[in-house]
Amino acid sequence: MANEINIRNRRASFDYEFIEEYNAGMVLTGTEIKSIRAGKASLVDSYCYFNRGELWIKGMNISEYKLGTYYNHDERRERKLLLSRKELEKWERKTKESGLTIIPTRIFLNASGYAKIHIALAKGKKEFDKRETMKLKDAKKDMDRAMKH
């Protein structure tokens, strides 16, 4: 069974330059995973932070499950991410030393049906970097158009 769930943070690649990327697990409740499987999640304005050596995601929105009763979850609750101790220590060190941040880029379901989140260690782009990115995208579009004709 192929899963088409692929919720992206489109703004992330425009605002940040990715240095390192990793897939992590998430601690979710039953209604949260059902909402994700229905494609009802958003990564807009979300980010990750460390608290007592654990990695948490803040600002991720998972809509309430429409068939959930009083067991339904809080849409914007902070969720714990699951990484190995070694990875956590390495990324925490990098974020403290060099002022980098951890940005979620997409949510997907793996072959076993577990929800995973793709996170990136990122550095914020300056305004001129953003303009350069837009120029490169426009040039690529023009070249693709020229190749079709």
C-alpha atoms as a PDB file:
ATOM      1  CA  MET A   1       0.000   0.000   0.000  1.00  0.00           C
ATOM      2  CA  ALA A   2       1.557   3.284  -1.131  1.00  0.00           C
ATOM      3  CA  ASN A   3       1.008   6.321   1.068  1.00  0.00           C
ATOM      4  CA  GLU A   4       0.579   9.707  -0.572  1.00  0.00           C
ATOM      5  CA  ILE A   5       0.690  11.735   2.647  1.00  0.00           C
ATOM      6  CA  ASN A   6       3.371  14.362   2.114  1.00  0.00           C
ATOM      7  CA  ILE A   7       2.703  17.609   3.991  1.00  0.00           C
ATOM      8  CA  ARG A   8       5.356  20.205   3.122  1.00  0.00           C
ATOM      9  CA  ASN A   9       6.624  23.449   4.612  1.00  0.00           C
ATOM     10  CA  ARG A  10       7.090  25.298   1.307  1.00  0.00           C
ATOM     11  CA  ARG A  11       8.269  28.513   2.936  1.00  0.00           C
ATOM     12  CA  ALA A  12      11.198  26.818   4.704  1.00  0.00           C
ATOM     13  CA  SER A  13      13.479  26.479   1.667  1.00  0.00           C
ATOM     14  CA  PHE A  14      12.853  30.123   0.764  1.00  0.00           C
ATOM     15  CA  ASP A  15      13.678  31.485   4.239  1.00  0.00           C
ATOM     16  CA  TYR A  16      16.433  29.055   5.258  1.00  0.00           C
ATOM     17  CA  GLU A  17      19.531  27.399   3.876  1.00  0.00           C
ATOM     18  CA  PHE A  18      19.565  23.734   4.924  1.00  0.00           C
ATOM     19  CA  ILE A  19      22.844  22.421   6.286  1.00  0.00           C
ATOM     20  CA  GLU A  20      21.933  18.967   7.567  1.00  0.00           C
ATOM     21  CA  GLU A  21      18.711  16.940   7.306  1.00  0.00           C
ATOM     22  CA  TYR A  22      17.252  14.050   9.279  1.00  0.00           C
ATOM     23  CA  ASN A  23      14.031  12.041   9.650  1.00  0.00           C
ATOM     24  CA  ALA A  24      12.558  11.835  13.135  1.00  0.00           C
ATOM     25  CA  GLY A  25       9.607  10.116  14.743  1.00  0.00           C
ATOM     26  CA  MET A  26       6.857  11.964  16.625  1.00  0.00           C
ATOM     27  CA  VAL A  27       4.937  11.190  19.790  1.00  0.00           C
ATOM     28  CA  LEU A  28       1.287  11.458  18.721  1.00  0.00           C
ATOM     29  CA  THR A  29      -2.133  10.601  20.110  1.00  0.00           C
ATOM     30  CA  GLY A  30      -4.656   8.454  18.232  1.00  0.00           C
ATOM     31  CA  THR A  31      -6.729  11.352  16.897  1.00  0.00           C
ATOM     32  CA  GLU A  32      -3.566  13.176  15.741  1.00  0.00           C
ATOM     33  CA  ILE A  33      -2.376  10.291  13.551  1.00  0.00           C
ATOM     34  CA  LYS A  34      -5.881   9.951  12.075  1.00  0.00           C
ATOM     35  CA  SER A  35      -5.875  13.648  11.160  1.00  0.00           C
ATOM     36  CA  ILE A  36      -2.417  13.342   9.579  1.00  0.00           C
ATOM     37  CA  ARG A  37      -3.574  10.357   7.527  1.00  0.00           C
ATOM     38  CA  ALA A  38      -6.456  12.564   6.328  1.00  0.00           C
ATOM     39  CA  GLY A  39      -3.881  15.216   5.340  1.00  0.00           C
ATOM     40  CA  LYS A  40      -5.084  17.743   7.927  1.00  0.00           C
ATOM     41  CA  ALA A  41      -1.773  19.137   9.207  1.00  0.00           C
ATOM     42  CA  SER A  42       0.285  22.253   8.603  1.00  0.00           C
ATOM     43  CA  LEU A  43       3.935  23.142   9.275  1.00  0.00           C
ATOM     44  CA  VAL A  44       3.593  26.894   8.681  1.00  0.00           C
ATOM     45  CA  ASP A  45       5.472  28.901  11.354  1.00  0.00           C
ATOM     46  CA  SER A  46       6.644  25.776  13.174  1.00  0.00           C
ATOM     47  CA  TYR A  47      10.100  25.251  14.619  1.00  0.00           C
ATOM     48  CA  CYS A  48      11.971  22.875  16.925  1.00  0.00           C
ATOM     49  CA  TYR A  49      13.657  23.605  20.236  1.00  0.00           C
ATOM     50  CA  PHE A  50      15.492  21.703  22.958  1.00  0.00           C
ATOM     51  CA  ASN A  51      14.117  21.280  26.468  1.00  0.00           C
ATOM     52  CA  ARG A  52      16.059  19.181  28.994  1.00  0.00           C
ATOM     53  CA  GLY A  53      17.918  17.331  26.260  1.00  0.00           C
ATOM     54  CA  GLU A  54      14.743  16.456  24.325  1.00  0.00           C
ATOM     55  CA  LEU A  55      13.686  17.891  20.972  1.00  0.00           C
ATOM     56  CA  TRP A  56      10.185  19.408  20.748  1.00  0.00           C
ATOM     57  CA  ILE A  57       8.242  20.904  17.861  1.00  0.00           C
ATOM     58  CA  LYS A  58       6.211  24.056  18.429  1.00  0.00           C
ATOM     59  CA  GLY A  59       3.659  25.706  16.153  1.00  0.00           C
ATOM     60  CA  MET A  60       2.729  22.620  14.144  1.00  0.00           C
ATOM     61  CA  ASN A  61      -1.019  22.514  13.527  1.00  0.00           C
ATOM     62  CA  ILE A  62      -2.826  19.161  13.338  1.00  0.00           C
ATOM     63  CA  SER A  63      -6.551  19.786  12.880  1.00  0.00           C
ATOM     64  CA  GLU A  64      -8.997  18.094  15.223  1.00  0.00           C
ATOM     65  CA  TYR A  65     -10.204  14.712  14.026  1.00  0.00           C
ATOM     66  CA  LYS A  66     -13.806  15.233  12.953  1.00  0.00           C
ATOM     67  CA  LEU A  67     -14.970  11.885  14.380  1.00  0.00           C
ATOM     68  CA  GLY A  68     -13.087  12.347  17.652  1.00  0.00           C
ATOM     69  CA  THR A  69     -15.226  12.941  20.730  1.00  0.00           C
ATOM     70  CA  TYR A  70     -13.884  14.254  24.025  1.00  0.00           C
ATOM     71  CA  TYR A  71     -10.674  12.297  23.262  1.00  0.00           C
ATOM     72  CA  ASN A  72      -9.740  14.888  20.621  1.00  0.00           C
ATOM     73  CA  HIS A  73      -6.373  16.624  20.855  1.00  0.00           C
ATOM     74  CA  ASP A  74      -5.302  20.268  21.136  1.00  0.00           C
ATOM     75  CA  GLU A  75      -4.471  21.393  17.581  1.00  0.00           C
ATOM     76  CA  ARG A  76      -1.316  23.390  18.378  1.00  0.00           C
ATOM     77  CA  ARG A  77       0.107  21.387  21.251  1.00  0.00           C
ATOM     78  CA  GLU A  78       3.871  20.909  21.472  1.00  0.00           C
ATOM     79  CA  ARG A  79       4.968  17.437  20.378  1.00  0.00           C
ATOM     80  CA  LYS A  80       8.086  15.505  21.281  1.00  0.00           C
ATOM     81  CA  LEU A  81      10.342  14.335  18.455  1.00  0.00           C
ATOM     82  CA  LEU A  82      12.182  11.034  18.600  1.00  0.00           C
ATOM     83  CA  LEU A  83      15.873  10.897  17.678  1.00  0.00           C
ATOM     84  CA  SER A  84      18.787   8.887  18.967  1.00  0.00           C
ATOM     85  CA  ARG A  85      20.618  10.311  21.995  1.00  0.00           C
ATOM     86  CA  LYS A  86      23.759  10.785  19.884  1.00  0.00           C
ATOM     87  CA  GLU A  87      21.893  12.804  17.211  1.00  0.00           C
ATOM     88  CA  LEU A  88      20.141  14.910  19.850  1.00  0.00           C
ATOM     89  CA  GLU A  89      23.430  15.816  21.542  1.00  0.00           C
ATOM     90  CA  LYS A  90      25.090  16.648  18.210  1.00  0.00           C
ATOM     91  CA  TRP A  91      22.252  18.915  17.025  1.00  0.00           C
ATOM     92  CA  GLU A  92      21.858  20.608  20.417  1.00  0.00           C
ATOM     93  CA  ARG A  93      25.578  21.434  20.408  1.00  0.00           C
ATOM     94  CA  LYS A  94      25.342  22.877  16.869  1.00  0.00           C
ATOM     95  CA  THR A  95      22.310  25.038  17.637  1.00  0.00           C
ATOM     96  CA  LYS A  96      23.936  26.502  20.773  1.00  0.00           C
ATOM     97  CA  GLU A  97      27.367  27.136  19.235  1.00  0.00           C
ATOM     98  CA  SER A  98      26.587  28.605  15.842  1.00  0.00           C
ATOM     99  CA  GLY A  99      23.099  30.073  16.153  1.00  0.00           C
ATOM    100  CA  LEU A 100      21.511  27.578  13.770  1.00  0.00           C
ATOM    101  CA  THR A 101      17.871  26.561  14.080  1.00  0.00           C
ATOM    102  CA  ILE A 102      15.936  23.356  13.434  1.00  0.00           C
ATOM    103  CA  ILE A 103      13.077  23.657  10.958  1.00  0.00           C
ATOM    104  CA  PRO A 104      10.503  20.959  10.073  1.00  0.00           C
ATOM    105  CA  THR A 105      10.283  20.622   6.282  1.00  0.00           C
ATOM    106  CA  ARG A 106       7.705  17.859   5.735  1.00  0.00           C
ATOM    107  CA  ILE A 107       5.532  15.187   7.365  1.00  0.00           C
ATOM    108  CA  PHE A 108       5.151  11.800   5.716  1.00  0.00           C
ATOM    109  CA  LEU A 109       4.139   8.232   6.502  1.00  0.00           C
ATOM    110  CA  ASN A 110       6.838   5.582   6.195  1.00  0.00           C
ATOM    111  CA  ALA A 111       6.321   2.078   4.775  1.00  0.00           C
ATOM    112  CA  SER A 112       5.125   0.816   8.179  1.00  0.00           C
ATOM    113  CA  GLY A 113       2.494   3.545   8.419  1.00  0.00           C
ATOM    114  CA  TYR A 114       4.263   5.582  11.124  1.00  0.00           C
ATOM    115  CA  ALA A 115       4.193   9.372  10.835  1.00  0.00           C
ATOM    116  CA  LYS A 116       7.685  10.787  10.433  1.00  0.00           C
ATOM    117  CA  ILE A 117       8.880  14.353  10.229  1.00  0.00           C
ATOM    118  CA  HIS A 118      11.763  15.522   8.055  1.00  0.00           C
ATOM    119  CA  ILE A 119      13.735  18.192   9.936  1.00  0.00           C
ATOM    120  CA  ALA A 120      16.655  20.320   8.826  1.00  0.00           C
ATOM    121  CA  LEU A 121      19.419  22.112  10.669  1.00  0.00           C
ATOM    122  CA  ALA A 122      19.158  25.497   8.993  1.00  0.00           C
ATOM    123  CA  LYS A 123      20.679  28.950   8.774  1.00  0.00           C
ATOM    124  CA  GLY A 124      18.432  31.936   8.039  1.00  0.00           C
ATOM    125  CA  LYS A 125      18.867  33.557   4.644  1.00  0.00           C
ATOM    126  CA  LYS A 126      19.486  37.268   4.275  1.00  0.00           C
ATOM    127  CA  GLU A 127      17.307  39.342   1.925  1.00  0.00           C
ATOM    128  CA  PHE A 128      19.858  39.268  -0.905  1.00  0.00           C
ATOM    129  CA  ASP A 129      20.111  35.455  -0.618  1.00  0.00           C
ATOM    130  CA  LYS A 130      16.339  35.229  -1.092  1.00  0.00           C
ATOM    131  CA  ARG A 131      16.535  37.399  -4.217  1.00  0.00           C
ATOM    132  CA  GLU A 132      19.319  35.185  -5.563  1.00  0.00           C
ATOM    133  CA  THR A 133      17.186  32.075  -4.967  1.00  0.00           C
ATOM    134  CA  MET A 134      14.296  33.668  -6.857  1.00  0.00           C
ATOM    135  CA  LYS A 135      16.594  34.570  -9.788  1.00  0.00           C
ATOM    136  CA  LEU A 136      17.844  30.985 -10.006  1.00  0.00           C
ATOM    137  CA  LYS A 137      14.283  29.608  -9.971  1.00  0.00           C
ATOM    138  CA  ASP A 138      13.186  32.055 -12.681  1.00  0.00           C
ATOM    139  CA  ALA A 139      16.202  31.172 -14.839  1.00  0.00           C
ATOM    140  CA  LYS A 140      15.438  27.455 -14.468  1.00  0.00           C
ATOM    141  CA  LYS A 141      11.794  28.044 -15.475  1.00  0.00           C
ATOM    142  CA  ASP A 142      12.903  30.015 -18.553  1.00  0.00           C
ATOM    143  CA  MET A 143      15.303  27.250 -19.577  1.00  0.00           C
ATOM    144  CA  ASP A 144      12.590  24.604 -19.122  1.00  0.00           C
ATOM    145  CA  ARG A 145      10.201  26.658 -21.273  1.00  0.00           C
ATOM    146  CA  ALA A 146      12.854  27.059 -23.977  1.00  0.00           C
ATOM    147  CA  MET A 147      13.509  23.298 -24.003  1.00  0.00           C
ATOM    148  CA  LYS A 148       9.790  22.530 -24.525  1.00  0.00           C
ATOM    149  CA  HIS A 149       9.467  24.777 -27.596  1.00  0.00           C
END
